[in-house]
Amino acid sequence: MQIKNFQLSEDENQVLSVLARSGAMSPSRLSAETLILPGKTLELLKGLVENGFVVIRDSKESADGMLVALTPEARDFFEFSSTWQVKR
């Protein structure tokens, strides 16, 4: 999958930063780590999936039944990029 959108909101940037630092996690843990309300977190994740930044996969170990992770393309992009563009 190819990354489609490099314009990120502050909340999207925060979600991606946490995933880049901590690795895959459940949506509820991601919500707790970012202090973004769960409904808003799920909305952000849908957009990030559509734009190729994250994948959501089923997980029996997660209380939510799923884990969120950066895509390999997103991880590669952010490892080689010194700055992430944030919408202001």
N, C-alpha and C. Protein backbone atom coordinates (compact mmCIF):
# COMPACT_ATOMS: atom_id res chain seq x y z
N MET A 1 0.85 -1.18 0.00
CA MET A 1 0.00 0.00 0.00
C MET A 1 0.89 1.24 0.00
N GLN A 2 0.48 2.24 -0.72
CA GLN A 2 1.25 3.47 -0.82
C GLN A 2 0.62 4.55 0.05
N ILE A 3 1.45 5.36 0.70
CA ILE A 3 0.96 6.47 1.50
C ILE A 3 0.39 7.51 0.57
N LYS A 4 -0.85 7.97 0.86
CA LYS A 4 -1.55 8.87 -0.05
C LYS A 4 -1.55 10.33 0.39
N ASN A 5 -1.38 10.59 1.67
CA ASN A 5 -1.56 11.95 2.16
C ASN A 5 -0.48 12.28 3.18
N PHE A 6 0.28 13.34 2.94
CA PHE A 6 1.33 13.71 3.87
C PHE A 6 0.93 14.89 4.76
N GLN A 7 -0.24 15.45 4.55
CA GLN A 7 -0.75 16.53 5.40
C GLN A 7 -1.42 15.91 6.61
N LEU A 8 -0.82 16.06 7.79
CA LEU A 8 -1.33 15.44 9.00
C LEU A 8 -1.84 16.49 9.98
N SER A 9 -2.96 16.18 10.62
CA SER A 9 -3.45 17.04 11.70
C SER A 9 -2.58 16.79 12.94
N GLU A 10 -2.69 17.64 13.93
CA GLU A 10 -1.92 17.45 15.16
C GLU A 10 -2.28 16.13 15.83
N ASP A 11 -3.58 15.77 15.83
CA ASP A 11 -3.99 14.51 16.44
C ASP A 11 -3.45 13.32 15.66
N GLU A 12 -3.48 13.38 14.33
CA GLU A 12 -2.92 12.30 13.51
C GLU A 12 -1.42 12.17 13.78
N ASN A 13 -0.73 13.28 13.84
CA ASN A 13 0.69 13.28 14.13
C ASN A 13 0.97 12.64 15.49
N GLN A 14 0.15 12.96 16.48
CA GLN A 14 0.31 12.41 17.82
C GLN A 14 0.12 10.89 17.80
N VAL A 15 -0.92 10.41 17.12
CA VAL A 15 -1.19 8.98 17.01
C VAL A 15 -0.01 8.27 16.36
N LEU A 16 0.48 8.80 15.25
CA LEU A 16 1.59 8.19 14.53
C LEU A 16 2.88 8.22 15.35
N SER A 17 3.09 9.28 16.08
CA SER A 17 4.28 9.39 16.93
C SER A 17 4.29 8.31 18.01
N VAL A 18 3.14 8.11 18.64
CA VAL A 18 3.05 7.08 19.69
C VAL A 18 3.29 5.70 19.09
N LEU A 19 2.68 5.42 17.94
CA LEU A 19 2.88 4.12 17.30
C LEU A 19 4.34 3.93 16.87
N ALA A 20 4.98 4.99 16.39
CA ALA A 20 6.38 4.90 15.97
C ALA A 20 7.28 4.61 17.17
N ARG A 21 6.98 5.21 18.31
CA ARG A 21 7.79 5.02 19.52
C ARG A 21 7.52 3.69 20.20
N SER A 22 6.23 3.32 20.30
CA SER A 22 5.84 2.19 21.15
C SER A 22 5.48 0.92 20.41
N GLY A 23 5.27 1.00 19.11
CA GLY A 23 4.88 -0.18 18.36
C GLY A 23 3.38 -0.41 18.40
N ALA A 24 2.96 -1.56 17.90
CA ALA A 24 1.54 -1.88 17.79
C ALA A 24 0.86 -1.87 19.16
N MET A 25 -0.38 -1.41 19.17
CA MET A 25 -1.17 -1.40 20.41
C MET A 25 -2.64 -1.37 20.07
N SER A 26 -3.46 -1.62 21.08
CA SER A 26 -4.91 -1.60 20.88
C SER A 26 -5.39 -0.16 20.72
N PRO A 27 -6.53 0.01 20.06
CA PRO A 27 -7.09 1.36 19.94
C PRO A 27 -7.36 2.02 21.30
N SER A 28 -7.79 1.24 22.29
CA SER A 28 -8.07 1.83 23.60
C SER A 28 -6.78 2.29 24.28
N ARG A 29 -5.72 1.51 24.16
CA ARG A 29 -4.43 1.94 24.73
C ARG A 29 -3.91 3.17 23.99
N LEU A 30 -4.06 3.18 22.67
CA LEU A 30 -3.64 4.34 21.88
C LEU A 30 -4.40 5.59 22.32
N SER A 31 -5.69 5.43 22.55
CA SER A 31 -6.50 6.54 23.04
C SER A 31 -5.99 7.03 24.39
N ALA A 32 -5.68 6.11 25.29
CA ALA A 32 -5.17 6.48 26.61
C ALA A 32 -3.80 7.15 26.52
N GLU A 33 -2.93 6.64 25.65
CA GLU A 33 -1.58 7.19 25.49
C GLU A 33 -1.59 8.61 24.91
N THR A 34 -2.55 8.87 24.01
CA THR A 34 -2.60 10.17 23.34
C THR A 34 -3.55 11.15 24.01
N LEU A 35 -4.35 10.65 24.94
CA LEU A 35 -5.38 11.46 25.61
C LEU A 35 -6.41 11.99 24.62
N ILE A 36 -6.65 11.23 23.57
CA ILE A 36 -7.69 11.55 22.59
C ILE A 36 -8.87 10.63 22.88
N LEU A 37 -10.08 11.18 22.89
CA LEU A 37 -11.26 10.39 23.19
C LEU A 37 -11.37 9.18 22.26
N PRO A 38 -11.87 8.05 22.76
CA PRO A 38 -11.92 6.82 21.97
C PRO A 38 -12.64 6.97 20.62
N GLY A 39 -13.76 7.65 20.58
CA GLY A 39 -14.48 7.83 19.32
C GLY A 39 -13.67 8.61 18.31
N LYS A 40 -12.99 9.65 18.77
CA LYS A 40 -12.13 10.45 17.90
C LYS A 40 -10.92 9.62 17.44
N THR A 41 -10.38 8.80 18.33
CA THR A 41 -9.26 7.94 17.98
C THR A 41 -9.65 7.00 16.84
N LEU A 42 -10.83 6.37 16.94
CA LEU A 42 -11.28 5.46 15.89
C LEU A 42 -11.49 6.20 14.57
N GLU A 43 -12.02 7.42 14.65
CA GLU A 43 -12.20 8.24 13.44
C GLU A 43 -10.85 8.54 12.79
N LEU A 44 -9.88 8.92 13.60
CA LEU A 44 -8.53 9.20 13.09
C LEU A 44 -7.93 7.95 12.45
N LEU A 45 -8.10 6.81 13.12
CA LEU A 45 -7.53 5.56 12.61
C LEU A 45 -8.12 5.19 11.25
N LYS A 46 -9.41 5.40 11.07
CA LYS A 46 -10.03 5.10 9.78
C LYS A 46 -9.37 5.90 8.67
N GLY A 47 -9.16 7.19 8.90
CA GLY A 47 -8.49 8.03 7.91
C GLY A 47 -7.05 7.63 7.68
N LEU A 48 -6.35 7.26 8.75
CA LEU A 48 -4.96 6.84 8.61
C LEU A 48 -4.84 5.51 7.86
N VAL A 49 -5.83 4.62 8.04
CA VAL A 49 -5.86 3.38 7.26
C VAL A 49 -6.08 3.70 5.79
N GLU A 50 -7.06 4.55 5.50
CA GLU A 50 -7.38 4.92 4.11
C GLU A 50 -6.19 5.55 3.40
N ASN A 51 -5.37 6.29 4.15
CA ASN A 51 -4.22 6.97 3.55
C ASN A 51 -2.93 6.17 3.61
N GLY A 52 -3.01 4.92 4.08
CA GLY A 52 -1.85 4.04 4.05
C GLY A 52 -0.86 4.17 5.18
N PHE A 53 -1.21 4.88 6.24
CA PHE A 53 -0.28 5.07 7.36
C PHE A 53 -0.31 3.93 8.37
N VAL A 54 -1.48 3.35 8.62
CA VAL A 54 -1.61 2.30 9.63
C VAL A 54 -2.44 1.13 9.09
N VAL A 55 -2.27 0.00 9.76
CA VAL A 55 -3.12 -1.17 9.53
C VAL A 55 -3.75 -1.54 10.87
N ILE A 56 -4.94 -2.08 10.78
CA ILE A 56 -5.61 -2.60 11.97
C ILE A 56 -5.82 -4.08 11.73
N ARG A 57 -5.32 -4.88 12.65
CA ARG A 57 -5.45 -6.33 12.49
C ARG A 57 -6.09 -6.94 13.74
N ASP A 58 -6.73 -8.08 13.55
CA ASP A 58 -7.35 -8.79 14.66
C ASP A 58 -6.29 -9.31 15.61
N SER A 59 -6.63 -9.31 16.91
CA SER A 59 -5.71 -9.82 17.91
C SER A 59 -6.49 -10.39 19.08
N LYS A 60 -6.21 -11.63 19.42
CA LYS A 60 -6.86 -12.25 20.57
C LYS A 60 -6.26 -11.75 21.88
N GLU A 61 -5.03 -11.21 21.84
CA GLU A 61 -4.38 -10.73 23.05
C GLU A 61 -4.87 -9.36 23.50
N SER A 62 -5.51 -8.63 22.62
CA SER A 62 -5.97 -7.27 22.92
C SER A 62 -7.39 -7.29 23.47
N ALA A 63 -7.64 -6.48 24.47
CA ALA A 63 -9.00 -6.36 25.02
C ALA A 63 -9.98 -5.86 23.97
N ASP A 64 -9.49 -5.06 23.03
CA ASP A 64 -10.32 -4.53 21.95
C ASP A 64 -10.52 -5.55 20.82
N GLY A 65 -9.72 -6.62 20.83
CA GLY A 65 -9.78 -7.60 19.77
C GLY A 65 -9.04 -7.19 18.51
N MET A 66 -8.27 -6.10 18.62
CA MET A 66 -7.51 -5.64 17.46
C MET A 66 -6.28 -4.85 17.90
N LEU A 67 -5.31 -4.79 17.00
CA LEU A 67 -4.10 -4.00 17.20
C LEU A 67 -3.91 -3.04 16.04
N VAL A 68 -3.36 -1.89 16.33
CA VAL A 68 -3.05 -0.87 15.33
C VAL A 68 -1.54 -0.79 15.21
N ALA A 69 -1.04 -0.73 13.98
CA ALA A 69 0.40 -0.62 13.75
C ALA A 69 0.66 0.24 12.54
N LEU A 70 1.84 0.86 12.51
CA LEU A 70 2.27 1.58 11.32
C LEU A 70 2.46 0.59 10.18
N THR A 71 2.17 1.02 8.96
CA THR A 71 2.47 0.20 7.80
C THR A 71 3.98 0.23 7.58
N PRO A 72 4.53 -0.77 6.89
CA PRO A 72 5.97 -0.72 6.58
C PRO A 72 6.34 0.55 5.81
N GLU A 73 5.48 0.98 4.90
CA GLU A 73 5.75 2.19 4.13
C GLU A 73 5.80 3.42 5.03
N ALA A 74 4.89 3.51 5.99
CA ALA A 74 4.88 4.64 6.91
C ALA A 74 6.11 4.61 7.80
N ARG A 75 6.46 3.43 8.30
CA ARG A 75 7.65 3.32 9.14
C ARG A 75 8.90 3.73 8.36
N ASP A 76 9.03 3.25 7.11
CA ASP A 76 10.17 3.63 6.28
C ASP A 76 10.19 5.14 6.04
N PHE A 77 9.03 5.70 5.72
CA PHE A 77 8.95 7.12 5.45
C PHE A 77 9.39 7.93 6.67
N PHE A 78 8.87 7.58 7.84
CA PHE A 78 9.15 8.36 9.03
C PHE A 78 10.55 8.14 9.56
N GLU A 79 11.14 6.98 9.29
CA GLU A 79 12.53 6.75 9.69
C GLU A 79 13.48 7.63 8.89
N PHE A 80 13.13 7.93 7.64
CA PHE A 80 14.01 8.73 6.78
C PHE A 80 13.60 10.20 6.71
N SER A 81 12.51 10.55 7.34
CA SER A 81 12.02 11.93 7.31
C SER A 81 12.33 12.60 8.64
N SER A 82 12.92 13.78 8.58
CA SER A 82 13.25 14.46 9.82
C SER A 82 12.07 15.23 10.39
N THR A 83 11.11 15.58 9.54
CA THR A 83 9.94 16.30 10.02
C THR A 83 8.68 15.74 9.39
N TRP A 84 7.61 15.80 10.14
CA TRP A 84 6.29 15.39 9.64
C TRP A 84 5.50 16.67 9.45
N GLN A 85 4.84 16.80 8.29
CA GLN A 85 4.03 17.99 8.04
C GLN A 85 2.74 17.90 8.85
N VAL A 86 2.44 18.96 9.56
CA VAL A 86 1.23 19.01 10.37
C VAL A 86 0.35 20.14 9.84
N LYS A 87 -0.94 19.84 9.65
CA LYS A 87 -1.90 20.88 9.25
C LYS A 87 -2.01 21.87 10.40
N ARG A 88 -2.05 23.11 10.09
CA ARG A 88 -2.20 24.14 11.14
C ARG A 88 -3.55 24.82 10.98
